[in-house]
Amino acid sequence: MNKEIKLNTAPVGTSCLVRSVGGDGPMRRRLMDLGLVDGARITPLFESIGGDPRAYDIRGAVIALRGMDAELISVAPVR
């Protein structure tokens, strides 16, 4: 079993599987509405010049997440 990490620490280009989404209220719901549910594949594509936000490929869509929001998502890197 792969070790879980926070999405904001996943290296660019590494495919991961979502394990859990933390937080509460509207932000958690919004992340889940974007497709960040248990078992979904997500890949960090690139980060902005300042490092925040980062772009992610989730189910064929490119979304940008701030580091503080990506930190709420636990993922397991896929080999």
PDB file of N, CA and C in Angstrom:
ATOM      1  N   MET A   1       0.852  -1.186   0.000  1.00  0.00           N
ATOM      2  CA  MET A   1       0.000   0.000   0.000  1.00  0.00           C
ATOM      3  C   MET A   1       0.891   1.240   0.000  1.00  0.00           C
ATOM      4  N   ASN A   2       0.538   2.216  -0.794  1.00  0.00           N
ATOM      5  CA  ASN A   2       1.319   3.447  -0.894  1.00  0.00           C
ATOM      6  C   ASN A   2       1.061   4.351   0.301  1.00  0.00           C
ATOM      7  N   LYS A   3       2.083   5.087   0.685  1.00  0.00           N
ATOM      8  CA  LYS A   3       1.961   6.030   1.780  1.00  0.00           C
ATOM      9  C   LYS A   3       1.142   7.232   1.339  1.00  0.00           C
ATOM     10  N   GLU A   4       0.263   7.673   2.208  1.00  0.00           N
ATOM     11  CA  GLU A   4      -0.555   8.844   1.897  1.00  0.00           C
ATOM     12  C   GLU A   4       0.231  10.123   2.164  1.00  0.00           C
ATOM     13  N   ILE A   5       0.025  11.101   1.278  1.00  0.00           N
ATOM     14  CA  ILE A   5       0.629  12.422   1.411  1.00  0.00           C
ATOM     15  C   ILE A   5      -0.455  13.456   1.151  1.00  0.00           C
ATOM     16  N   LYS A   6      -0.159  14.687   1.434  1.00  0.00           N
ATOM     17  CA  LYS A   6      -1.080  15.777   1.115  1.00  0.00           C
ATOM     18  C   LYS A   6      -0.869  16.172  -0.337  1.00  0.00           C
ATOM     19  N   LEU A   7      -1.929  16.521  -1.028  1.00  0.00           N
ATOM     20  CA  LEU A   7      -1.857  16.857  -2.446  1.00  0.00           C
ATOM     21  C   LEU A   7      -0.883  17.995  -2.719  1.00  0.00           C
ATOM     22  N   ASN A   8      -0.797  18.963  -1.823  1.00  0.00           N
ATOM     23  CA  ASN A   8       0.094  20.102  -2.061  1.00  0.00           C
ATOM     24  C   ASN A   8       1.573  19.718  -2.034  1.00  0.00           C
ATOM     25  N   THR A   9       1.915  18.511  -1.555  1.00  0.00           N
ATOM     26  CA  THR A   9       3.306  18.058  -1.539  1.00  0.00           C
ATOM     27  C   THR A   9       3.615  17.043  -2.639  1.00  0.00           C
ATOM     28  N   ALA A  10       2.613  16.653  -3.417  1.00  0.00           N
ATOM     29  CA  ALA A  10       2.826  15.686  -4.498  1.00  0.00           C
ATOM     30  C   ALA A  10       3.668  16.325  -5.600  1.00  0.00           C
ATOM     31  N   PRO A  11       4.710  15.635  -6.063  1.00  0.00           N
ATOM     32  CA  PRO A  11       5.551  16.189  -7.127  1.00  0.00           C
ATOM     33  C   PRO A  11       4.780  16.374  -8.439  1.00  0.00           C
ATOM     34  N   VAL A  12       5.122  17.412  -9.174  1.00  0.00           N
ATOM     35  CA  VAL A  12       4.503  17.662 -10.478  1.00  0.00           C
ATOM     36  C   VAL A  12       4.740  16.456 -11.377  1.00  0.00           C
ATOM     37  N   GLY A  13       3.691  16.009 -12.062  1.00  0.00           N
ATOM     38  CA  GLY A  13       3.785  14.878 -12.979  1.00  0.00           C
ATOM     39  C   GLY A  13       3.507  13.526 -12.350  1.00  0.00           C
ATOM     40  N   THR A  14       3.308  13.474 -11.046  1.00  0.00           N
ATOM     41  CA  THR A  14       3.036  12.219 -10.350  1.00  0.00           C
ATOM     42  C   THR A  14       1.538  11.981 -10.242  1.00  0.00           C
ATOM     43  N   SER A  15       1.046  10.892 -10.802  1.00  0.00           N
ATOM     44  CA  SER A  15      -0.367  10.558 -10.665  1.00  0.00           C
ATOM     45  C   SER A  15      -0.643  10.058  -9.262  1.00  0.00           C
ATOM     46  N   CYS A  16      -1.779  10.462  -8.724  1.00  0.00           N
ATOM     47  CA  CYS A  16      -2.166  10.085  -7.365  1.00  0.00           C
ATOM     48  C   CYS A  16      -3.633   9.681  -7.354  1.00  0.00           C
ATOM     49  N   LEU A  17      -3.991   8.911  -6.341  1.00  0.00           N
ATOM     50  CA  LEU A  17      -5.386   8.581  -6.100  1.00  0.00           C
ATOM     51  C   LEU A  17      -5.837   9.292  -4.831  1.00  0.00           C
ATOM     52  N   VAL A  18      -6.990   9.927  -4.902  1.00  0.00           N
ATOM     53  CA  VAL A  18      -7.540  10.632  -3.748  1.00  0.00           C
ATOM     54  C   VAL A  18      -7.952   9.597  -2.707  1.00  0.00           C
ATOM     55  N   ARG A  19      -7.562   9.815  -1.467  1.00  0.00           N
ATOM     56  CA  ARG A  19      -7.934   8.932  -0.364  1.00  0.00           C
ATOM     57  C   ARG A  19      -8.973   9.578   0.546  1.00  0.00           C
ATOM     58  N   SER A  20      -8.854  10.889   0.780  1.00  0.00           N
ATOM     59  CA  SER A  20      -9.841  11.578   1.606  1.00  0.00           C
ATOM     60  C   SER A  20      -9.772  13.079   1.373  1.00  0.00           C
ATOM     61  N   VAL A  21     -10.892  13.735   1.645  1.00  0.00           N
ATOM     62  CA  VAL A  21     -10.976  15.192   1.541  1.00  0.00           C
ATOM     63  C   VAL A  21     -11.361  15.716   2.911  1.00  0.00           C
ATOM     64  N   GLY A  22     -10.487  16.546   3.484  1.00  0.00           N
ATOM     65  CA  GLY A  22     -10.736  17.098   4.803  1.00  0.00           C
ATOM     66  C   GLY A  22     -11.489  18.409   4.715  1.00  0.00           C
ATOM     67  N   GLY A  23     -11.458  19.126   5.799  1.00  0.00           N
ATOM     68  CA  GLY A  23     -12.160  20.402   5.845  1.00  0.00           C
ATOM     69  C   GLY A  23     -13.620  20.195   6.186  1.00  0.00           C
ATOM     70  N   ASP A  24     -14.336  21.287   6.143  1.00  0.00           N
ATOM     71  CA  ASP A  24     -15.761  21.200   6.425  1.00  0.00           C
ATOM     72  C   ASP A  24     -16.502  22.276   5.651  1.00  0.00           C
ATOM     73  N   GLY A  25     -17.800  22.171   5.657  1.00  0.00           N
ATOM     74  CA  GLY A  25     -18.642  23.178   5.050  1.00  0.00           C
ATOM     75  C   GLY A  25     -18.494  23.327   3.549  1.00  0.00           C
ATOM     76  N   PRO A  26     -18.644  24.553   3.065  1.00  0.00           N
ATOM     77  CA  PRO A  26     -18.687  24.814   1.622  1.00  0.00           C
ATOM     78  C   PRO A  26     -17.410  24.424   0.868  1.00  0.00           C
ATOM     79  N   MET A  27     -16.246  24.583   1.481  1.00  0.00           N
ATOM     80  CA  MET A  27     -15.007  24.252   0.773  1.00  0.00           C
ATOM     81  C   MET A  27     -14.909  22.764   0.514  1.00  0.00           C
ATOM     82  N   ARG A  28     -15.226  21.941   1.491  1.00  0.00           N
ATOM     83  CA  ARG A  28     -15.205  20.490   1.305  1.00  0.00           C
ATOM     84  C   ARG A  28     -16.200  20.086   0.217  1.00  0.00           C
ATOM     85  N   ARG A  29     -17.371  20.659   0.264  1.00  0.00           N
ATOM     86  CA  ARG A  29     -18.400  20.346  -0.734  1.00  0.00           C
ATOM     87  C   ARG A  29     -17.938  20.750  -2.135  1.00  0.00           C
ATOM     88  N   ARG A  30     -17.302  21.909  -2.243  1.00  0.00           N
ATOM     89  CA  ARG A  30     -16.814  22.399  -3.536  1.00  0.00           C
ATOM     90  C   ARG A  30     -15.740  21.470  -4.102  1.00  0.00           C
ATOM     91  N   LEU A  31     -14.812  21.044  -3.262  1.00  0.00           N
ATOM     92  CA  LEU A  31     -13.771  20.122  -3.712  1.00  0.00           C
ATOM     93  C   LEU A  31     -14.384  18.804  -4.212  1.00  0.00           C
ATOM     94  N   MET A  32     -15.370  18.320  -3.488  1.00  0.00           N
ATOM     95  CA  MET A  32     -16.032  17.078  -3.903  1.00  0.00           C
ATOM     96  C   MET A  32     -16.820  17.286  -5.192  1.00  0.00           C
ATOM     97  N   ASP A  33     -17.430  18.445  -5.360  1.00  0.00           N
ATOM     98  CA  ASP A  33     -18.156  18.754  -6.594  1.00  0.00           C
ATOM     99  C   ASP A  33     -17.215  18.800  -7.798  1.00  0.00           C
ATOM    100  N   LEU A  34     -15.945  19.158  -7.569  1.00  0.00           N
ATOM    101  CA  LEU A  34     -14.950  19.188  -8.644  1.00  0.00           C
ATOM    102  C   LEU A  34     -14.477  17.784  -9.028  1.00  0.00           C
ATOM    103  N   GLY A  35     -14.920  16.778  -8.292  1.00  0.00           N
ATOM    104  CA  GLY A  35     -14.546  15.401  -8.608  1.00  0.00           C
ATOM    105  C   GLY A  35     -13.507  14.817  -7.681  1.00  0.00           C
ATOM    106  N   LEU A  36     -13.143  15.542  -6.634  1.00  0.00           N
ATOM    107  CA  LEU A  36     -12.142  15.050  -5.688  1.00  0.00           C
ATOM    108  C   LEU A  36     -12.811  14.153  -4.654  1.00  0.00           C
ATOM    109  N   VAL A  37     -13.064  12.916  -5.068  1.00  0.00           N
ATOM    110  CA  VAL A  37     -13.693  11.921  -4.211  1.00  0.00           C
ATOM    111  C   VAL A  37     -12.762  10.723  -4.103  1.00  0.00           C
ATOM    112  N   ASP A  38     -13.000   9.887  -3.118  1.00  0.00           N
ATOM    113  CA  ASP A  38     -12.147   8.722  -2.877  1.00  0.00           C
ATOM    114  C   ASP A  38     -11.977   7.894  -4.150  1.00  0.00           C
ATOM    115  N   GLY A  39     -10.733   7.644  -4.513  1.00  0.00           N
ATOM    116  CA  GLY A  39     -10.415   6.824  -5.677  1.00  0.00           C
ATOM    117  C   GLY A  39     -10.204   7.587  -6.971  1.00  0.00           C
ATOM    118  N   ALA A  40     -10.499   8.873  -6.992  1.00  0.00           N
ATOM    119  CA  ALA A  40     -10.313   9.664  -8.216  1.00  0.00           C
ATOM    120  C   ALA A  40      -8.821   9.873  -8.472  1.00  0.00           C
ATOM    121  N   ARG A  41      -8.417   9.830  -9.749  1.00  0.00           N
ATOM    122  CA  ARG A  41      -7.016  10.044 -10.125  1.00  0.00           C
ATOM    123  C   ARG A  41      -6.798  11.539 -10.350  1.00  0.00           C
ATOM    124  N   ILE A  42      -5.713  12.067  -9.792  1.00  0.00           N
ATOM    125  CA  ILE A  42      -5.364  13.471  -9.933  1.00  0.00           C
ATOM    126  C   ILE A  42      -3.863  13.580 -10.166  1.00  0.00           C
ATOM    127  N   THR A  43      -3.475  14.492 -11.060  1.00  0.00           N
ATOM    128  CA  THR A  43      -2.065  14.676 -11.396  1.00  0.00           C
ATOM    129  C   THR A  43      -1.699  16.156 -11.327  1.00  0.00           C
ATOM    130  N   PRO A  44      -0.735  16.514 -10.484  1.00  0.00           N
ATOM    131  CA  PRO A  44      -0.249  17.891 -10.504  1.00  0.00           C
ATOM    132  C   PRO A  44       0.442  18.160 -11.842  1.00  0.00           C
ATOM    133  N   LEU A  45       0.011  19.198 -12.564  1.00  0.00           N
ATOM    134  CA  LEU A  45       0.562  19.492 -13.891  1.00  0.00           C
ATOM    135  C   LEU A  45       1.687  20.521 -13.839  1.00  0.00           C
ATOM    136  N   PHE A  46       1.453  21.624 -13.159  1.00  0.00           N
ATOM    137  CA  PHE A  46       2.474  22.658 -13.033  1.00  0.00           C
ATOM    138  C   PHE A  46       2.075  23.626 -11.931  1.00  0.00           C
ATOM    139  N   GLU A  47       3.036  24.426 -11.501  1.00  0.00           N
ATOM    140  CA  GLU A  47       2.734  25.434 -10.494  1.00  0.00           C
ATOM    141  C   GLU A  47       3.062  26.813 -11.041  1.00  0.00           C
ATOM    142  N   SER A  48       2.435  27.815 -10.476  1.00  0.00           N
ATOM    143  CA  SER A  48       2.672  29.179 -10.929  1.00  0.00           C
ATOM    144  C   SER A  48       4.098  29.599 -10.558  1.00  0.00           C
ATOM    145  N   ILE A  49       4.532  30.716 -11.074  1.00  0.00           N
ATOM    146  CA  ILE A  49       5.887  31.196 -10.825  1.00  0.00           C
ATOM    147  C   ILE A  49       6.168  31.313  -9.331  1.00  0.00           C
ATOM    148  N   GLY A  50       5.213  31.770  -8.572  1.00  0.00           N
ATOM    149  CA  GLY A  50       5.383  31.900  -7.127  1.00  0.00           C
ATOM    150  C   GLY A  50       5.159  30.602  -6.369  1.00  0.00           C
ATOM    151  N   GLY A  51       4.732  29.546  -7.075  1.00  0.00           N
ATOM    152  CA  GLY A  51       4.510  28.257  -6.439  1.00  0.00           C
ATOM    153  C   GLY A  51       3.086  28.021  -5.971  1.00  0.00           C
ATOM    154  N   ASP A  52       2.261  29.042  -5.980  1.00  0.00           N
ATOM    155  CA  ASP A  52       0.885  28.900  -5.513  1.00  0.00           C
ATOM    156  C   ASP A  52       0.001  29.831  -6.322  1.00  0.00           C
ATOM    157  N   PRO A  53      -1.012  29.368  -6.995  1.00  0.00           N
ATOM    158  CA  PRO A  53      -1.603  28.031  -6.964  1.00  0.00           C
ATOM    159  C   PRO A  53      -0.899  27.049  -7.906  1.00  0.00           C
ATOM    160  N   ARG A  54      -1.350  25.810  -7.852  1.00  0.00           N
ATOM    161  CA  ARG A  54      -0.866  24.761  -8.745  1.00  0.00           C
ATOM    162  C   ARG A  54      -2.035  24.289  -9.606  1.00  0.00           C
ATOM    163  N   ALA A  55      -1.717  23.815 -10.809  1.00  0.00           N
ATOM    164  CA  ALA A  55      -2.734  23.272 -11.708  1.00  0.00           C
ATOM    165  C   ALA A  55      -2.732  21.753 -11.603  1.00  0.00           C
ATOM    166  N   TYR A  56      -3.917  21.166 -11.616  1.00  0.00           N
ATOM    167  CA  TYR A  56      -4.085  19.723 -11.483  1.00  0.00           C
ATOM    168  C   TYR A  56      -5.014  19.208 -12.578  1.00  0.00           C
ATOM    169  N   ASP A  57      -4.731  18.004 -13.050  1.00  0.00           N
ATOM    170  CA  ASP A  57      -5.624  17.307 -13.983  1.00  0.00           C
ATOM    171  C   ASP A  57      -6.478  16.372 -13.147  1.00  0.00           C
ATOM    172  N   ILE A  58      -7.783  16.638 -13.149  1.00  0.00           N
ATOM    173  CA  ILE A  58      -8.715  15.780 -12.438  1.00  0.00           C
ATOM    174  C   ILE A  58      -9.829  15.385 -13.397  1.00  0.00           C
ATOM    175  N   ARG A  59      -9.859  14.112 -13.744  1.00  0.00           N
ATOM    176  CA  ARG A  59     -10.878  13.563 -14.647  1.00  0.00           C
ATOM    177  C   ARG A  59     -10.966  14.318 -15.967  1.00  0.00           C
ATOM    178  N   GLY A  60      -9.810  14.685 -16.520  1.00  0.00           N
ATOM    179  CA  GLY A  60      -9.769  15.343 -17.817  1.00  0.00           C
ATOM    180  C   GLY A  60      -9.946  16.849 -17.791  1.00  0.00           C
ATOM    181  N   ALA A  61     -10.175  17.417 -16.631  1.00  0.00           N
ATOM    182  CA  ALA A  61     -10.309  18.866 -16.502  1.00  0.00           C
ATOM    183  C   ALA A  61      -9.096  19.408 -15.756  1.00  0.00           C
ATOM    184  N   VAL A  62      -8.654  20.594 -16.134  1.00  0.00           N
ATOM    185  CA  VAL A  62      -7.541  21.229 -15.434  1.00  0.00           C
ATOM    186  C   VAL A  62      -8.131  22.238 -14.457  1.00  0.00           C
ATOM    187  N   ILE A  63      -7.774  22.069 -13.178  1.00  0.00           N
ATOM    188  CA  ILE A  63      -8.251  22.982 -12.155  1.00  0.00           C
ATOM    189  C   ILE A  63      -7.050  23.543 -11.405  1.00  0.00           C
ATOM    190  N   ALA A  64      -7.184  24.740 -10.877  1.00  0.00           N
ATOM    191  CA  ALA A  64      -6.132  25.355 -10.070  1.00  0.00           C
ATOM    192  C   ALA A  64      -6.597  25.362  -8.622  1.00  0.00           C
ATOM    193  N   LEU A  65      -5.703  24.938  -7.733  1.00  0.00           N
ATOM    194  CA  LEU A  65      -6.001  24.944  -6.305  1.00  0.00           C
ATOM    195  C   LEU A  65      -4.901  25.674  -5.553  1.00  0.00           C
ATOM    196  N   ARG A  66      -5.306  26.472  -4.583  1.00  0.00           N
ATOM    197  CA  ARG A  66      -4.338  27.102  -3.698  1.00  0.00           C
ATOM    198  C   ARG A  66      -3.741  26.034  -2.792  1.00  0.00           C
ATOM    199  N   GLY A  67      -2.529  26.272  -2.321  1.00  0.00           N
ATOM    200  CA  GLY A  67      -1.856  25.319  -1.453  1.00  0.00           C
ATOM    201  C   GLY A  67      -2.653  24.980  -0.211  1.00  0.00           C
ATOM    202  N   MET A  68      -3.293  25.982   0.389  1.00  0.00           N
ATOM    203  CA  MET A  68      -4.067  25.734   1.611  1.00  0.00           C
ATOM    204  C   MET A  68      -5.277  24.841   1.357  1.00  0.00           C
ATOM    205  N   ASP A  69      -5.817  24.877   0.132  1.00  0.00           N
ATOM    206  CA  ASP A  69      -6.938  24.004  -0.206  1.00  0.00           C
ATOM    207  C   ASP A  69      -6.444  22.609  -0.570  1.00  0.00           C
ATOM    208  N   ALA A  70      -5.328  22.527  -1.308  1.00  0.00           N
ATOM    209  CA  ALA A  70      -4.772  21.232  -1.682  1.00  0.00           C
ATOM    210  C   ALA A  70      -4.288  20.460  -0.457  1.00  0.00           C
ATOM    211  N   GLU A  71      -3.944  21.177   0.604  1.00  0.00           N
ATOM    212  CA  GLU A  71      -3.484  20.535   1.833  1.00  0.00           C
ATOM    213  C   GLU A  71      -4.613  19.742   2.518  1.00  0.00           C
ATOM    214  N   LEU A  72      -5.839  20.029   2.176  1.00  0.00           N
ATOM    215  CA  LEU A  72      -6.985  19.321   2.762  1.00  0.00           C
ATOM    216  C   LEU A  72      -7.195  17.943   2.139  1.00  0.00           C
ATOM    217  N   ILE A  73      -6.487  17.654   1.045  1.00  0.00           N
ATOM    218  CA  ILE A  73      -6.722  16.420   0.288  1.00  0.00           C
ATOM    219  C   ILE A  73      -5.570  15.442   0.504  1.00  0.00           C
ATOM    220  N   SER A  74      -5.890  14.258   1.006  1.00  0.00           N
ATOM    221  CA  SER A  74      -4.900  13.197   1.178  1.00  0.00           C
ATOM    222  C   SER A  74      -4.920  12.319  -0.066  1.00  0.00           C
ATOM    223  N   VAL A  75      -3.734  12.021  -0.573  1.00  0.00           N
ATOM    224  CA  VAL A  75      -3.611  11.205  -1.792  1.00  0.00           C
ATOM    225  C   VAL A  75      -2.553  10.131  -1.594  1.00  0.00           C
ATOM    226  N   ALA A  76      -2.611   9.114  -2.454  1.00  0.00           N
ATOM    227  CA  ALA A  76      -1.596   8.065  -2.479  1.00  0.00           C
ATOM    228  C   ALA A  76      -1.002   8.051  -3.877  1.00  0.00           C
ATOM    229  N   PRO A  77       0.308   8.272  -4.016  1.00  0.00           N
ATOM    230  CA  PRO A  77       0.942   8.246  -5.330  1.00  0.00           C
ATOM    231  C   PRO A  77       0.765   6.882  -6.010  1.00  0.00           C
ATOM    232  N   VAL A  78       0.571   6.895  -7.327  1.00  0.00           N
ATOM    233  CA  VAL A  78       0.415   5.673  -8.110  1.00  0.00           C
ATOM    234  C   VAL A  78       1.751   5.374  -8.763  1.00  0.00           C
ATOM    235  N   ARG A  79       2.173   4.145  -8.702  1.00  0.00           N
ATOM    236  CA  ARG A  79       3.460   3.755  -9.322  1.00  0.00           C
ATOM    237  C   ARG A  79       3.309   3.563 -10.790  1.00  0.00           C
TER     238      ARG A  79
END
